[in-house]
Amino acid sequence: MTTVLKSQLALILVMFLWSLNIVLMKKYVVSSDENFPPFLFNTLRFSLAGFLCILTLILTKKEWKISVHDFFIIGGLCIMGIGIYQIFYIFGLDHLKAGSIAIVISSIPVLVIMLTCIFKDSRWTKRKIISSILAVGGIIICAADDLDFSQLNIGVLYIFIAASSWALYIVFSKSTSTRLGNIRTITWFLVWGAILSTLIAAIAGELEFNQLPAADSKAWIAMFYSGIGSLYIGYILYQYAITNIGSEKTAQFSYLGPPLGLILSWLILSEMISIAQIIGMSIIFIAVYLSQKKAADESS
């Protein structure tokens, strides 16, 4: 199995893990009274994921130290990929259905392509243009029955800001990950994430650990899944893909978010799927296939 194929399979798994995380957070963090406050939930899951990464480095006897310069570089990446992203993501959870969130999040690949062309001297190619147009078209079709375009939903703006901050992280994290290694980069990224999440929770007045015993058992399960599945496993695999196939092709897999999000929302939250959304999902799958296929006019 080639490294490229391993990266692609890893990303399919990551998209499933992250789509399920959206649904579980919507159900057990926002939509239930017997749960953790959202920002405290973030503190717990990032702390858990960071601890697991540190434990992984210790058990595998891999280098874990980084320079002061790299520490602050990762901190800057973390402000984009965790600080800004998580704040607006949680705000958006209050205003949008899980399927809608997955649809808006899937704008990330187009944002990455634009930012890469601006900051990394990349170039537009026929394949990039066609796959992006198809994907955006699929997103619009999926969204047609799920979002009310007659009025601005502030939740859409919140999630779009979150998506933009994550796109910036994708574009600028590859060089650091390549230099330091996948697990070491993610370990310090999650350590920073735990620090930032704790500060945000404290500012929001949600850093109250006396609320933990009152949390429902399903909320605990959601927290452990989010920390282990979505963050620990998901971030390591995602960074692995960025290192091996580049930020643009990695980001293209975000287009799988809407179909996976809609399917899981239907199964878990009973959010109905329309014919238009099925058509849109099919178009998105085609767009992902085109974006990953090698072309003579596209450099690696």
Protein backbone atom coordinates (compact mmCIF):
# COMPACT_ATOMS: atom_id res chain seq x y z
CA MET A 1 0.00 0.00 0.00
CA THR A 2 1.48 3.34 -1.04
CA THR A 3 1.87 6.30 1.30
CA VAL A 4 -0.64 8.26 -0.79
CA LEU A 5 -3.27 5.52 -0.47
CA LYS A 6 -2.62 5.22 3.27
CA SER A 7 -3.11 8.98 3.60
CA GLN A 8 -6.35 8.88 1.63
CA LEU A 9 -7.78 6.00 3.69
CA ALA A 10 -6.71 7.78 6.87
CA LEU A 11 -8.55 10.92 5.76
CA ILE A 12 -11.76 9.00 5.03
CA LEU A 13 -11.60 7.67 8.60
CA VAL A 14 -10.88 11.17 9.95
CA MET A 15 -13.87 12.64 8.14
CA PHE A 16 -16.09 9.94 9.67
CA LEU A 17 -14.67 10.58 13.15
CA TRP A 18 -15.13 14.34 12.82
CA SER A 19 -18.63 14.09 11.34
CA LEU A 20 -19.71 11.82 14.19
CA ASN A 21 -18.15 14.28 16.63
CA ILE A 22 -20.34 17.10 15.27
CA VAL A 23 -23.45 15.00 15.79
CA LEU A 24 -22.48 13.87 19.30
CA MET A 25 -21.57 17.41 20.39
CA LYS A 26 -24.88 18.67 19.03
CA LYS A 27 -26.80 15.96 20.90
CA TYR A 28 -24.94 15.74 24.19
CA VAL A 29 -23.25 19.12 24.63
CA VAL A 30 -25.69 21.66 23.19
CA SER A 31 -29.10 19.97 23.07
CA SER A 32 -29.15 18.45 26.57
CA ASP A 33 -29.42 20.09 29.98
CA GLU A 34 -27.49 17.29 31.72
CA ASN A 35 -24.12 17.95 30.14
CA PHE A 36 -20.89 19.88 30.35
CA PRO A 37 -20.83 23.58 29.48
CA PRO A 38 -19.40 23.72 25.92
CA PHE A 39 -16.09 25.42 26.75
CA LEU A 40 -15.49 23.17 29.78
CA PHE A 41 -16.17 20.24 27.45
CA ASN A 42 -13.42 21.57 25.17
CA THR A 43 -10.98 21.88 28.08
CA LEU A 44 -11.58 18.27 29.11
CA ARG A 45 -11.27 16.77 25.65
CA PHE A 46 -8.14 18.71 24.66
CA SER A 47 -6.49 17.86 27.98
CA LEU A 48 -7.30 14.18 27.44
CA ALA A 49 -5.99 14.19 23.87
CA GLY A 50 -2.83 16.07 24.85
CA PHE A 51 -2.14 13.59 27.67
CA LEU A 52 -2.55 10.64 25.28
CA CYS A 53 -0.12 12.20 22.79
CA ILE A 54 2.49 12.79 25.51
CA LEU A 55 2.02 9.20 26.68
CA THR A 56 2.46 7.99 23.09
CA LEU A 57 5.77 9.84 22.73
CA ILE A 58 7.01 8.43 26.05
CA LEU A 59 6.03 4.84 25.25
CA THR A 60 7.50 4.98 21.75
CA LYS A 61 10.63 6.73 23.09
CA LYS A 62 10.41 9.42 20.43
CA GLU A 63 11.82 12.92 20.75
CA TRP A 64 9.33 15.26 22.39
CA LYS A 65 11.33 18.42 23.08
CA ILE A 66 11.05 21.45 20.79
CA SER A 67 12.77 24.83 20.67
CA VAL A 68 11.24 27.95 22.19
CA HIS A 69 10.80 29.28 18.64
CA ASP A 70 8.85 26.20 17.55
CA PHE A 71 6.80 26.31 20.75
CA PHE A 72 5.50 29.76 19.85
CA ILE A 73 5.13 28.86 16.16
CA ILE A 74 2.83 26.01 17.16
CA GLY A 75 1.10 28.37 19.57
CA GLY A 76 0.32 30.72 16.70
CA LEU A 77 -1.00 27.82 14.64
CA CYS A 78 -3.06 26.74 17.63
CA ILE A 79 -4.68 30.17 17.95
CA MET A 80 -5.99 29.70 14.39
CA GLY A 81 -6.70 25.97 14.49
CA ILE A 82 -8.12 25.75 18.00
CA GLY A 83 -8.67 29.17 19.59
CA ILE A 84 -10.64 30.95 16.88
CA TYR A 85 -12.03 27.74 15.41
CA GLN A 86 -13.47 26.34 18.65
CA ILE A 87 -14.99 29.63 19.82
CA PHE A 88 -16.97 30.19 16.64
CA TYR A 89 -17.65 26.47 16.17
CA ILE A 90 -19.37 26.27 19.56
CA PHE A 91 -21.32 29.47 18.86
CA GLY A 92 -22.46 27.92 15.59
CA LEU A 93 -23.63 24.73 17.31
CA ASP A 94 -26.36 26.77 19.01
CA HIS A 95 -27.77 28.06 15.71
CA LEU A 96 -27.43 25.28 13.11
CA LYS A 97 -28.38 21.64 12.75
CA ALA A 98 -25.53 19.12 12.62
CA GLY A 99 -26.06 18.49 8.90
CA SER A 100 -25.88 22.21 8.17
CA ILE A 101 -22.65 22.55 10.13
CA ALA A 102 -21.05 19.77 8.09
CA ILE A 103 -22.12 21.53 4.89
CA VAL A 104 -20.59 24.89 5.87
CA ILE A 105 -17.39 23.23 7.16
CA SER A 106 -16.93 21.66 3.74
CA SER A 107 -16.05 25.09 2.33
CA ILE A 108 -12.57 24.53 3.80
CA PRO A 109 -10.97 23.02 0.65
CA VAL A 110 -11.88 26.01 -1.50
CA LEU A 111 -10.54 28.33 1.21
CA VAL A 112 -7.31 26.31 1.38
CA ILE A 113 -6.83 26.48 -2.39
CA MET A 114 -7.36 30.26 -2.33
CA LEU A 115 -5.01 30.77 0.62
CA THR A 116 -2.37 28.47 -0.88
CA CYS A 117 -2.45 30.42 -4.13
CA ILE A 118 -2.10 33.66 -2.15
CA PHE A 119 0.56 32.65 0.39
CA LYS A 120 2.35 29.61 -1.05
CA ASP A 121 2.83 30.44 -4.74
CA SER A 122 0.54 27.62 -5.81
CA ARG A 123 -1.34 27.88 -9.10
CA TRP A 124 -4.84 27.19 -10.28
CA THR A 125 -5.17 24.20 -12.61
CA LYS A 126 -8.06 22.87 -14.65
CA ARG A 127 -8.56 19.98 -12.23
CA LYS A 128 -8.60 22.26 -9.18
CA ILE A 129 -11.12 24.58 -10.80
CA ILE A 130 -13.46 21.78 -11.95
CA SER A 131 -13.36 19.87 -8.64
CA SER A 132 -13.90 23.09 -6.66
CA ILE A 133 -16.86 24.16 -8.81
CA LEU A 134 -18.43 20.70 -8.53
CA ALA A 135 -17.90 20.61 -4.78
CA VAL A 136 -19.36 24.09 -4.23
CA GLY A 137 -22.31 23.13 -6.43
CA GLY A 138 -22.84 19.99 -4.37
CA ILE A 139 -22.69 21.99 -1.15
CA ILE A 140 -25.28 24.47 -2.45
CA ILE A 141 -27.60 21.63 -3.47
CA CYS A 142 -27.17 19.95 -0.07
CA ALA A 143 -27.78 23.24 1.71
CA ALA A 144 -30.86 24.20 -0.30
CA ASP A 145 -33.22 22.15 1.86
CA ASP A 146 -31.36 22.68 5.12
CA LEU A 147 -30.53 26.38 5.28
CA ASP A 148 -32.93 29.27 4.90
CA PHE A 149 -31.35 31.52 2.27
CA SER A 150 -34.15 34.09 2.64
CA GLN A 151 -32.54 35.39 5.82
CA LEU A 152 -29.00 35.44 7.18
CA ASN A 153 -28.48 32.79 9.83
CA ILE A 154 -25.76 34.04 12.18
CA GLY A 155 -24.78 30.41 12.74
CA VAL A 156 -23.63 30.17 9.13
CA LEU A 157 -21.31 33.13 9.69
CA TYR A 158 -19.93 31.62 12.91
CA ILE A 159 -19.16 28.27 11.26
CA PHE A 160 -17.68 29.96 8.17
CA ILE A 161 -15.29 31.96 10.38
CA ALA A 162 -14.35 28.69 12.10
CA ALA A 163 -13.77 27.04 8.71
CA SER A 164 -11.58 29.96 7.58
CA SER A 165 -9.38 29.72 10.68
CA TRP A 166 -8.93 25.97 10.15
CA ALA A 167 -8.01 26.57 6.51
CA LEU A 168 -5.25 28.95 7.65
CA TYR A 169 -3.95 26.27 10.00
CA ILE A 170 -3.85 23.69 7.19
CA VAL A 171 -1.91 26.01 4.88
CA PHE A 172 0.73 27.02 7.41
CA SER A 173 1.21 23.82 9.43
CA LYS A 174 2.85 21.57 6.82
CA SER A 175 6.40 22.94 7.11
CA THR A 176 6.35 22.68 10.90
CA SER A 177 4.95 19.15 10.82
CA THR A 178 7.51 18.04 8.22
CA ARG A 179 10.38 19.44 10.31
CA LEU A 180 9.29 18.24 13.75
CA GLY A 181 7.39 15.09 12.85
CA ASN A 182 3.71 14.31 12.91
CA ILE A 183 3.11 13.14 16.49
CA ARG A 184 5.45 15.69 18.10
CA THR A 185 3.72 18.56 16.25
CA ILE A 186 0.25 17.34 17.22
CA THR A 187 1.32 16.74 20.83
CA TRP A 188 2.37 20.34 21.33
CA PHE A 189 -0.60 21.52 19.28
CA LEU A 190 -2.94 19.74 21.70
CA VAL A 191 -1.00 20.97 24.73
CA TRP A 192 -1.52 24.50 23.45
CA GLY A 193 -5.14 23.54 22.78
CA ALA A 194 -5.64 22.52 26.40
CA ILE A 195 -4.09 25.80 27.58
CA LEU A 196 -6.20 27.95 25.25
CA SER A 197 -9.38 25.99 25.97
CA THR A 198 -8.84 26.44 29.71
CA LEU A 199 -8.34 30.20 29.29
CA ILE A 200 -11.42 30.50 27.07
CA ALA A 201 -13.52 28.47 29.53
CA ALA A 202 -12.32 30.66 32.41
CA ILE A 203 -13.16 33.87 30.53
CA ALA A 204 -16.59 32.44 29.63
CA GLY A 205 -17.21 31.55 33.28
CA GLU A 206 -17.48 27.83 32.50
CA LEU A 207 -14.38 26.54 34.29
CA GLU A 208 -16.44 24.98 37.07
CA PHE A 209 -15.28 21.43 37.75
CA ASN A 210 -17.94 20.98 40.43
CA GLN A 211 -20.38 20.49 37.54
CA LEU A 212 -18.64 17.28 36.43
CA PRO A 213 -20.48 14.85 38.78
CA ALA A 214 -23.84 16.14 37.51
CA ALA A 215 -23.03 15.40 33.87
CA ASP A 216 -25.01 12.64 32.19
CA SER A 217 -23.15 9.40 31.43
CA LYS A 218 -23.79 9.91 27.71
CA ALA A 219 -22.13 13.33 27.92
CA TRP A 220 -19.07 11.62 29.43
CA ILE A 221 -19.06 9.09 26.60
CA ALA A 222 -19.26 11.96 24.09
CA MET A 223 -16.34 13.71 25.81
CA PHE A 224 -14.13 10.59 25.78
CA TYR A 225 -15.02 9.91 22.15
CA SER A 226 -14.28 13.52 21.22
CA GLY A 227 -10.94 13.53 23.04
CA ILE A 228 -9.74 10.12 21.88
CA GLY A 229 -11.45 9.62 18.51
CA SER A 230 -11.86 13.12 17.11
CA LEU A 231 -8.77 14.83 18.55
CA TYR A 232 -6.12 12.22 19.41
CA ILE A 233 -6.67 9.81 16.52
CA GLY A 234 -8.19 12.34 14.11
CA TYR A 235 -5.54 15.05 14.43
CA ILE A 236 -2.61 12.61 14.20
CA LEU A 237 -4.01 11.03 11.02
CA TYR A 238 -4.89 14.43 9.55
CA GLN A 239 -1.41 15.81 10.16
CA TYR A 240 0.05 12.60 8.70
CA ALA A 241 -1.90 13.26 5.51
CA ILE A 242 -0.85 16.92 5.32
CA THR A 243 2.79 15.84 5.62
CA ASN A 244 2.52 13.19 2.89
CA ILE A 245 0.09 14.52 0.27
CA GLY A 246 0.06 18.27 0.96
CA SER A 247 -2.44 20.74 2.37
CA GLU A 248 -4.60 21.15 -0.75
CA LYS A 249 -5.31 17.46 -1.36
CA THR A 250 -5.80 16.85 2.36
CA ALA A 251 -8.32 19.67 2.56
CA GLN A 252 -10.29 18.28 -0.38
CA PHE A 253 -11.48 15.45 1.87
CA SER A 254 -13.49 17.98 3.87
CA TYR A 255 -16.00 17.72 1.02
CA LEU A 256 -16.94 14.35 2.50
CA GLY A 257 -18.25 16.20 5.56
CA PRO A 258 -21.73 17.04 4.20
CA PRO A 259 -22.69 13.51 3.09
CA LEU A 260 -21.27 11.89 6.21
CA GLY A 261 -22.76 14.58 8.44
CA LEU A 262 -26.19 14.29 6.85
CA ILE A 263 -26.20 10.49 7.08
CA LEU A 264 -25.08 10.44 10.72
CA SER A 265 -27.52 13.24 11.59
CA TRP A 266 -30.31 11.15 10.07
CA LEU A 267 -29.26 8.03 11.98
CA ILE A 268 -28.63 9.68 15.37
CA LEU A 269 -30.61 12.94 15.42
CA SER A 270 -33.44 11.92 13.04
CA GLU A 271 -32.68 14.87 10.73
CA MET A 272 -34.30 13.93 7.42
CA ILE A 273 -32.34 13.67 4.15
CA SER A 274 -33.95 15.05 0.98
CA ILE A 275 -33.56 14.03 -2.67
CA ALA A 276 -31.68 17.29 -3.32
CA GLN A 277 -29.20 16.43 -0.59
CA ILE A 278 -28.64 12.94 -2.03
CA ILE A 279 -27.87 14.52 -5.43
CA GLY A 280 -25.56 17.04 -3.79
CA MET A 281 -23.74 14.31 -1.87
CA SER A 282 -23.15 12.37 -5.10
CA ILE A 283 -21.66 15.44 -6.77
CA ILE A 284 -19.39 16.02 -3.77
CA PHE A 285 -18.07 12.45 -3.95
CA ILE A 286 -17.22 13.02 -7.63
CA ALA A 287 -15.44 16.26 -6.72
CA VAL A 288 -13.30 14.49 -4.11
CA TYR A 289 -12.39 11.78 -6.63
CA LEU A 290 -11.32 14.36 -9.21
CA SER A 291 -9.34 16.37 -6.67
CA GLN A 292 -7.32 13.29 -5.68
CA LYS A 293 -6.69 11.88 -9.15
CA LYS A 294 -3.27 12.65 -10.56
CA ALA A 295 -3.19 14.91 -13.57
CA ALA A 296 -0.43 15.83 -15.97
CA ASP A 297 -1.11 19.53 -15.53
CA GLU A 298 -0.95 19.41 -11.72
CA SER A 299 2.20 19.42 -9.68
CA SER A 300 2.51 17.53 -6.44
